[in-house]
Amino acid sequence: MKGAAHGGRSAHGGSSADGGHASNARLHDPEPFQTGATPFIRVGQGNSAQVVRPNQTPADNSYWIVILDANKPATKVQDWVVPGQNNTTVPSNLDQYMSNPGYLFAVVTQVLANSSVPQGAFYDYLAAHGAGRELQKLEQVSSHTQTGYGLFTRVSYILTGQCGSGSNIAYERSSYTEPAVLVMSLMPLPNGQPPYSICDSYTFVTR
């Protein structure tokens, strides 16, 4: 997935599953802290890759939350664009998707102000779904912890993983100096068939 974020990029890569091998998945943001860009998810490799984008173009200082079909990872099921000032609120109908193991999810920032890092219920919700040290790093340098303006003006963050009430396995990346980039793979079942899960591996072509 790729997200537009001043300091936060997200992009998912390939999703082929021939022979039961993992396919690559990449999450990333636009080039260094580029305002006005659009987050996206790239699923696949080469000419067959597909790009998933928000239904509406997010404004800077926002979150893009997207749900993907684990059987067809390039298929968007639902998404939300959450203004940065709503950084304490969990979207009202998000949990009906996040509790379903048939889905994958991603959270991608766009030019996020350090004062808009997750707080309260939203922070707790992300932590329950796998957010850890990468998000904690941004919390530590934010204006909520460092009184005044914080240590950095803009930050970026990506979180992606498997939905499901019993799963908090997720992967994350953050930065306060440049757009975050996260490259993962999509892994099918042992028989090579979907649904896919996300794994910390690279899938690539050298010839």
C-alpha atoms as a PDB file:
ATOM      1  CA  MET A   1       0.000   0.000   0.000  1.00  0.00           C
ATOM      2  CA  LYS A   2       1.140   3.434  -0.471  1.00  0.00           C
ATOM      3  CA  GLY A   3      -0.058   6.357   1.520  1.00  0.00           C
ATOM      4  CA  ALA A   4       0.447  10.012   1.000  1.00  0.00           C
ATOM      5  CA  ALA A   5       1.926  11.375   4.135  1.00  0.00           C
ATOM      6  CA  HIS A   6       4.387  14.059   5.033  1.00  0.00           C
ATOM      7  CA  GLY A   7       6.538  11.590   6.835  1.00  0.00           C
ATOM      8  CA  GLY A   8       4.185   8.655   6.377  1.00  0.00           C
ATOM      9  CA  ARG A   9       3.929   6.399   3.363  1.00  0.00           C
ATOM     10  CA  SER A  10       2.205   3.066   2.933  1.00  0.00           C
ATOM     11  CA  ALA A  11       2.190   0.579   0.117  1.00  0.00           C
ATOM     12  CA  HIS A  12       1.362  -3.121  -0.281  1.00  0.00           C
ATOM     13  CA  GLY A  13       2.932  -5.158  -3.032  1.00  0.00           C
ATOM     14  CA  GLY A  14       2.395  -8.366  -4.962  1.00  0.00           C
ATOM     15  CA  SER A  15      -0.280 -10.927  -4.411  1.00  0.00           C
ATOM     16  CA  SER A  16       0.344 -13.815  -6.784  1.00  0.00           C
ATOM     17  CA  ALA A  17       0.388 -17.235  -5.189  1.00  0.00           C
ATOM     18  CA  ASP A  18       1.657 -19.726  -7.749  1.00  0.00           C
ATOM     19  CA  GLY A  19       2.977 -22.871  -6.153  1.00  0.00           C
ATOM     20  CA  GLY A  20       2.116 -21.670  -2.668  1.00  0.00           C
ATOM     21  CA  HIS A  21       4.925 -19.130  -2.628  1.00  0.00           C
ATOM     22  CA  ALA A  22       4.576 -15.803  -0.882  1.00  0.00           C
ATOM     23  CA  SER A  23       3.887 -12.796  -3.025  1.00  0.00           C
ATOM     24  CA  ASN A  24       5.349  -9.412  -2.293  1.00  0.00           C
ATOM     25  CA  ALA A  25       3.474  -6.666  -0.526  1.00  0.00           C
ATOM     26  CA  ARG A  26       4.613  -3.096  -0.199  1.00  0.00           C
ATOM     27  CA  LEU A  27       3.291  -0.151   1.766  1.00  0.00           C
ATOM     28  CA  HIS A  28       4.610   3.329   1.325  1.00  0.00           C
ATOM     29  CA  ASP A  29       3.982   7.050   1.216  1.00  0.00           C
ATOM     30  CA  PRO A  30       4.876   9.691  -1.378  1.00  0.00           C
ATOM     31  CA  GLU A  31       8.325  11.128  -1.716  1.00  0.00           C
ATOM     32  CA  PRO A  32       9.857  12.892   1.275  1.00  0.00           C
ATOM     33  CA  PHE A  33       7.033  14.629   3.065  1.00  0.00           C
ATOM     34  CA  GLN A  34       5.131  15.505  -0.065  1.00  0.00           C
ATOM     35  CA  THR A  35       1.932  17.381   0.645  1.00  0.00           C
ATOM     36  CA  GLY A  36      -1.182  16.846  -1.422  1.00  0.00           C
ATOM     37  CA  ALA A  37      -0.256  13.328  -2.576  1.00  0.00           C
ATOM     38  CA  THR A  38      -2.668  10.390  -2.387  1.00  0.00           C
ATOM     39  CA  PRO A  39      -2.069   7.244  -0.306  1.00  0.00           C
ATOM     40  CA  PHE A  40      -2.239   3.957  -2.188  1.00  0.00           C
ATOM     41  CA  ILE A  41      -1.679   0.229  -1.890  1.00  0.00           C
ATOM     42  CA  ARG A  42       0.181  -1.618  -4.600  1.00  0.00           C
ATOM     43  CA  VAL A  43      -0.627  -5.327  -4.810  1.00  0.00           C
ATOM     44  CA  GLY A  44       1.289  -7.528  -7.233  1.00  0.00           C
ATOM     45  CA  GLN A  45       4.398  -7.367  -9.359  1.00  0.00           C
ATOM     46  CA  GLY A  46       5.293  -5.823 -12.697  1.00  0.00           C
ATOM     47  CA  ASN A  47       2.568  -5.195 -15.256  1.00  0.00           C
ATOM     48  CA  SER A  48       0.064  -7.289 -13.314  1.00  0.00           C
ATOM     49  CA  ALA A  49       0.273  -5.131 -10.181  1.00  0.00           C
ATOM     50  CA  GLN A  50      -2.920  -3.414  -9.040  1.00  0.00           C
ATOM     51  CA  VAL A  51      -3.231  -0.169  -7.113  1.00  0.00           C
ATOM     52  CA  VAL A  52      -5.825   0.537  -4.419  1.00  0.00           C
ATOM     53  CA  ARG A  53      -6.583   4.166  -3.555  1.00  0.00           C
ATOM     54  CA  PRO A  54      -8.970   5.971  -1.195  1.00  0.00           C
ATOM     55  CA  ASN A  55     -12.520   6.664  -2.363  1.00  0.00           C
ATOM     56  CA  GLN A  56     -11.926  10.315  -1.552  1.00  0.00           C
ATOM     57  CA  THR A  57      -8.642  12.188  -1.772  1.00  0.00           C
ATOM     58  CA  PRO A  58      -7.412  12.629   1.800  1.00  0.00           C
ATOM     59  CA  ALA A  59      -6.390  16.046   3.021  1.00  0.00           C
ATOM     60  CA  ASP A  60      -3.006  16.482   4.658  1.00  0.00           C
ATOM     61  CA  ASN A  61      -2.930  15.606   8.355  1.00  0.00           C
ATOM     62  CA  SER A  62      -5.202  12.577   8.067  1.00  0.00           C
ATOM     63  CA  TYR A  63      -5.401   8.812   8.389  1.00  0.00           C
ATOM     64  CA  TRP A  64      -6.482   6.416   5.651  1.00  0.00           C
ATOM     65  CA  ILE A  65      -7.903   3.197   7.082  1.00  0.00           C
ATOM     66  CA  VAL A  66      -8.644   0.514   4.500  1.00  0.00           C
ATOM     67  CA  ILE A  67     -10.070  -3.014   4.605  1.00  0.00           C
ATOM     68  CA  LEU A  68      -9.069  -5.501   1.884  1.00  0.00           C
ATOM     69  CA  ASP A  69     -10.514  -8.885   0.939  1.00  0.00           C
ATOM     70  CA  ALA A  70      -8.066 -11.599   2.083  1.00  0.00           C
ATOM     71  CA  ASN A  71      -9.175 -13.765  -0.842  1.00  0.00           C
ATOM     72  CA  LYS A  72      -8.532 -10.985  -3.355  1.00  0.00           C
ATOM     73  CA  PRO A  73      -6.130  -8.543  -1.666  1.00  0.00           C
ATOM     74  CA  ALA A  74      -6.430  -5.940  -4.420  1.00  0.00           C
ATOM     75  CA  THR A  75     -10.163  -5.674  -3.705  1.00  0.00           C
ATOM     76  CA  LYS A  76     -11.107  -2.863  -1.357  1.00  0.00           C
ATOM     77  CA  VAL A  77     -14.039  -3.686   0.906  1.00  0.00           C
ATOM     78  CA  GLN A  78     -14.307  -0.417   2.830  1.00  0.00           C
ATOM     79  CA  ASP A  79     -12.230   2.590   3.726  1.00  0.00           C
ATOM     80  CA  TRP A  80     -12.282   5.697   5.883  1.00  0.00           C
ATOM     81  CA  VAL A  81     -10.416   8.995   5.763  1.00  0.00           C
ATOM     82  CA  VAL A  82     -10.074  10.281   9.318  1.00  0.00           C
ATOM     83  CA  PRO A  83      -8.979  13.891   9.940  1.00  0.00           C
ATOM     84  CA  GLY A  84      -5.942  14.174  12.184  1.00  0.00           C
ATOM     85  CA  GLN A  85      -7.866  16.203  14.751  1.00  0.00           C
ATOM     86  CA  ASN A  86     -10.072  13.116  15.329  1.00  0.00           C
ATOM     87  CA  ASN A  87      -7.080  11.200  16.655  1.00  0.00           C
ATOM     88  CA  THR A  88      -8.931   9.934  19.743  1.00  0.00           C
ATOM     89  CA  THR A  89     -11.916   8.415  17.934  1.00  0.00           C
ATOM     90  CA  VAL A  90     -12.355   4.945  16.404  1.00  0.00           C
ATOM     91  CA  PRO A  91     -14.644   5.034  13.309  1.00  0.00           C
ATOM     92  CA  SER A  92     -18.056   3.778  14.433  1.00  0.00           C
ATOM     93  CA  ASN A  93     -18.386   0.776  12.092  1.00  0.00           C
ATOM     94  CA  LEU A  94     -14.706  -0.168  11.829  1.00  0.00           C
ATOM     95  CA  ASP A  95     -14.843  -3.041  14.300  1.00  0.00           C
ATOM     96  CA  GLN A  96     -17.318  -5.071  12.240  1.00  0.00           C
ATOM     97  CA  TYR A  97     -14.557  -5.421   9.640  1.00  0.00           C
ATOM     98  CA  MET A  98     -11.567  -5.602  11.987  1.00  0.00           C
ATOM     99  CA  SER A  99     -13.096  -8.560  13.827  1.00  0.00           C
ATOM    100  CA  ASN A 100     -13.540 -10.582  10.611  1.00  0.00           C
ATOM    101  CA  PRO A 101     -10.573 -12.879   9.765  1.00  0.00           C
ATOM    102  CA  GLY A 102     -11.583 -12.785   6.112  1.00  0.00           C
ATOM    103  CA  TYR A 103     -10.106  -9.300   5.776  1.00  0.00           C
ATOM    104  CA  LEU A 104      -6.741  -7.548   5.811  1.00  0.00           C
ATOM    105  CA  PHE A 105      -6.332  -3.979   7.054  1.00  0.00           C
ATOM    106  CA  ALA A 106      -3.966  -1.053   6.760  1.00  0.00           C
ATOM    107  CA  VAL A 107      -3.689   2.311   8.493  1.00  0.00           C
ATOM    108  CA  VAL A 108      -1.690   4.927   6.575  1.00  0.00           C
ATOM    109  CA  THR A 109      -1.039   8.541   7.489  1.00  0.00           C
ATOM    110  CA  GLN A 110      -0.875  11.530   5.194  1.00  0.00           C
ATOM    111  CA  VAL A 111       1.332  14.433   6.261  1.00  0.00           C
ATOM    112  CA  LEU A 112       0.435  13.838   9.896  1.00  0.00           C
ATOM    113  CA  ALA A 113       1.068  16.613  12.407  1.00  0.00           C
ATOM    114  CA  ASN A 114       2.901  15.349  15.468  1.00  0.00           C
ATOM    115  CA  SER A 115       0.008  16.617  17.602  1.00  0.00           C
ATOM    116  CA  SER A 116      -2.317  14.275  15.687  1.00  0.00           C
ATOM    117  CA  VAL A 117      -0.677  10.963  16.601  1.00  0.00           C
ATOM    118  CA  PRO A 118      -3.208   8.493  18.055  1.00  0.00           C
ATOM    119  CA  GLN A 119      -4.456   9.217  21.555  1.00  0.00           C
ATOM    120  CA  GLY A 120      -7.019   7.728  23.916  1.00  0.00           C
ATOM    121  CA  ALA A 121      -9.416   5.153  22.465  1.00  0.00           C
ATOM    122  CA  PHE A 122      -7.833   5.298  19.008  1.00  0.00           C
ATOM    123  CA  TYR A 123      -4.371   4.546  20.395  1.00  0.00           C
ATOM    124  CA  ASP A 124      -5.768   1.673  22.483  1.00  0.00           C
ATOM    125  CA  TYR A 125      -7.546   0.248  19.444  1.00  0.00           C
ATOM    126  CA  LEU A 126      -4.430   0.288  17.264  1.00  0.00           C
ATOM    127  CA  ALA A 127      -2.380  -1.249  20.069  1.00  0.00           C
ATOM    128  CA  ALA A 128      -4.955  -4.035  20.393  1.00  0.00           C
ATOM    129  CA  HIS A 129      -4.488  -4.741  16.683  1.00  0.00           C
ATOM    130  CA  GLY A 130      -0.720  -4.963  16.698  1.00  0.00           C
ATOM    131  CA  ALA A 131       0.672  -1.430  16.972  1.00  0.00           C
ATOM    132  CA  GLY A 132       3.807  -1.432  19.089  1.00  0.00           C
ATOM    133  CA  ARG A 133       7.239   0.175  19.273  1.00  0.00           C
ATOM    134  CA  GLU A 134       7.002   2.070  15.975  1.00  0.00           C
ATOM    135  CA  LEU A 135       3.889   3.901  17.128  1.00  0.00           C
ATOM    136  CA  GLN A 136       5.313   4.302  20.629  1.00  0.00           C
ATOM    137  CA  LYS A 137       8.322   6.069  19.092  1.00  0.00           C
ATOM    138  CA  LEU A 138       6.049   8.687  17.531  1.00  0.00           C
ATOM    139  CA  GLU A 139       4.152   9.100  20.794  1.00  0.00           C
ATOM    140  CA  GLN A 140       7.422   9.813  22.596  1.00  0.00           C
ATOM    141  CA  VAL A 141       8.467  12.604  20.217  1.00  0.00           C
ATOM    142  CA  SER A 142       4.982  14.111  19.916  1.00  0.00           C
ATOM    143  CA  SER A 143       3.759  17.324  21.510  1.00  0.00           C
ATOM    144  CA  HIS A 144       1.646  15.210  23.893  1.00  0.00           C
ATOM    145  CA  THR A 145       4.819  13.888  25.538  1.00  0.00           C
ATOM    146  CA  GLN A 146       7.299  16.660  24.747  1.00  0.00           C
ATOM    147  CA  THR A 147       5.378  19.689  25.925  1.00  0.00           C
ATOM    148  CA  GLY A 148       5.157  22.563  23.505  1.00  0.00           C
ATOM    149  CA  TYR A 149       5.564  21.659  19.866  1.00  0.00           C
ATOM    150  CA  GLY A 150       7.151  18.203  20.135  1.00  0.00           C
ATOM    151  CA  LEU A 151      10.491  17.311  18.600  1.00  0.00           C
ATOM    152  CA  PHE A 152       9.307  17.080  14.976  1.00  0.00           C
ATOM    153  CA  THR A 153       6.603  18.899  13.055  1.00  0.00           C
ATOM    154  CA  ARG A 154       5.460  16.014  10.822  1.00  0.00           C
ATOM    155  CA  VAL A 155       5.496  12.247  11.278  1.00  0.00           C
ATOM    156  CA  SER A 156       4.470   9.220   9.248  1.00  0.00           C
ATOM    157  CA  TYR A 157       3.046   5.846  10.244  1.00  0.00           C
ATOM    158  CA  ILE A 158       1.912   2.585   8.636  1.00  0.00           C
ATOM    159  CA  LEU A 159       0.194  -0.368  10.315  1.00  0.00           C
ATOM    160  CA  THR A 160      -1.042  -3.452   8.443  1.00  0.00           C
ATOM    161  CA  GLY A 161      -2.138  -6.936   9.384  1.00  0.00           C
ATOM    162  CA  GLN A 162      -4.792  -9.628   9.457  1.00  0.00           C
ATOM    163  CA  CYS A 163      -8.223  -8.810  10.801  1.00  0.00           C
ATOM    164  CA  GLY A 164      -9.893 -11.116  13.318  1.00  0.00           C
ATOM    165  CA  SER A 165     -10.906 -10.883  16.949  1.00  0.00           C
ATOM    166  CA  GLY A 166      -8.219 -13.359  18.027  1.00  0.00           C
ATOM    167  CA  SER A 167      -5.363 -11.903  16.005  1.00  0.00           C
ATOM    168  CA  ASN A 168      -3.108  -8.975  16.784  1.00  0.00           C
ATOM    169  CA  ILE A 169      -0.306  -9.983  14.410  1.00  0.00           C
ATOM    170  CA  ALA A 170       0.556  -6.855  12.475  1.00  0.00           C
ATOM    171  CA  TYR A 171       3.507  -4.986  11.010  1.00  0.00           C
ATOM    172  CA  GLU A 172       4.306  -1.310  11.324  1.00  0.00           C
ATOM    173  CA  ARG A 173       6.734   1.377  10.286  1.00  0.00           C
ATOM    174  CA  SER A 174       7.106   4.982  11.398  1.00  0.00           C
ATOM    175  CA  SER A 175       9.328   7.955  10.707  1.00  0.00           C
ATOM    176  CA  TYR A 176       9.749  11.568  11.766  1.00  0.00           C
ATOM    177  CA  THR A 177      12.248  12.453   9.037  1.00  0.00           C
ATOM    178  CA  GLU A 178      10.779  10.971   5.833  1.00  0.00           C
ATOM    179  CA  PRO A 179       7.805   9.018   4.495  1.00  0.00           C
ATOM    180  CA  ALA A 180       7.655   5.563   6.039  1.00  0.00           C
ATOM    181  CA  VAL A 181       7.999   2.557   3.700  1.00  0.00           C
ATOM    182  CA  LEU A 182       6.866  -0.962   4.539  1.00  0.00           C
ATOM    183  CA  VAL A 183       7.415  -3.882   2.143  1.00  0.00           C
ATOM    184  CA  MET A 184       5.768  -7.213   2.987  1.00  0.00           C
ATOM    185  CA  SER A 185       4.545 -10.368   1.253  1.00  0.00           C
ATOM    186  CA  LEU A 186       1.170 -12.028   0.914  1.00  0.00           C
ATOM    187  CA  MET A 187       1.200 -15.728   1.825  1.00  0.00           C
ATOM    188  CA  PRO A 188      -1.469 -18.169   0.605  1.00  0.00           C
ATOM    189  CA  LEU A 189      -2.484 -21.416   2.304  1.00  0.00           C
ATOM    190  CA  PRO A 190      -0.134 -24.428   1.955  1.00  0.00           C
ATOM    191  CA  ASN A 191      -2.091 -25.531  -1.129  1.00  0.00           C
ATOM    192  CA  GLY A 192      -1.320 -22.221  -2.816  1.00  0.00           C
ATOM    193  CA  GLN A 193      -4.902 -20.988  -2.562  1.00  0.00           C
ATOM    194  CA  PRO A 194      -6.362 -17.959  -0.753  1.00  0.00           C
ATOM    195  CA  PRO A 195      -7.146 -16.540   1.710  1.00  0.00           C
ATOM    196  CA  TYR A 196      -3.863 -14.680   2.039  1.00  0.00           C
ATOM    197  CA  SER A 197      -2.125 -13.513   5.170  1.00  0.00           C
ATOM    198  CA  ILE A 198       0.655 -10.939   5.477  1.00  0.00           C
ATOM    199  CA  CYS A 199       4.154 -12.170   6.264  1.00  0.00           C
ATOM    200  CA  ASP A 200       7.485 -10.491   6.934  1.00  0.00           C
ATOM    201  CA  SER A 201       9.230 -11.687   3.783  1.00  0.00           C
ATOM    202  CA  TYR A 202      10.265 -10.367   0.374  1.00  0.00           C
ATOM    203  CA  THR A 203       9.113 -11.693  -2.991  1.00  0.00           C
ATOM    204  CA  PHE A 204      11.100 -10.544  -5.997  1.00  0.00           C
ATOM    205  CA  VAL A 205      12.336 -11.313  -9.496  1.00  0.00           C
ATOM    206  CA  THR A 206      16.040 -11.329 -10.449  1.00  0.00           C
ATOM    207  CA  ARG A 207      15.756 -12.614 -14.042  1.00  0.00           C
END
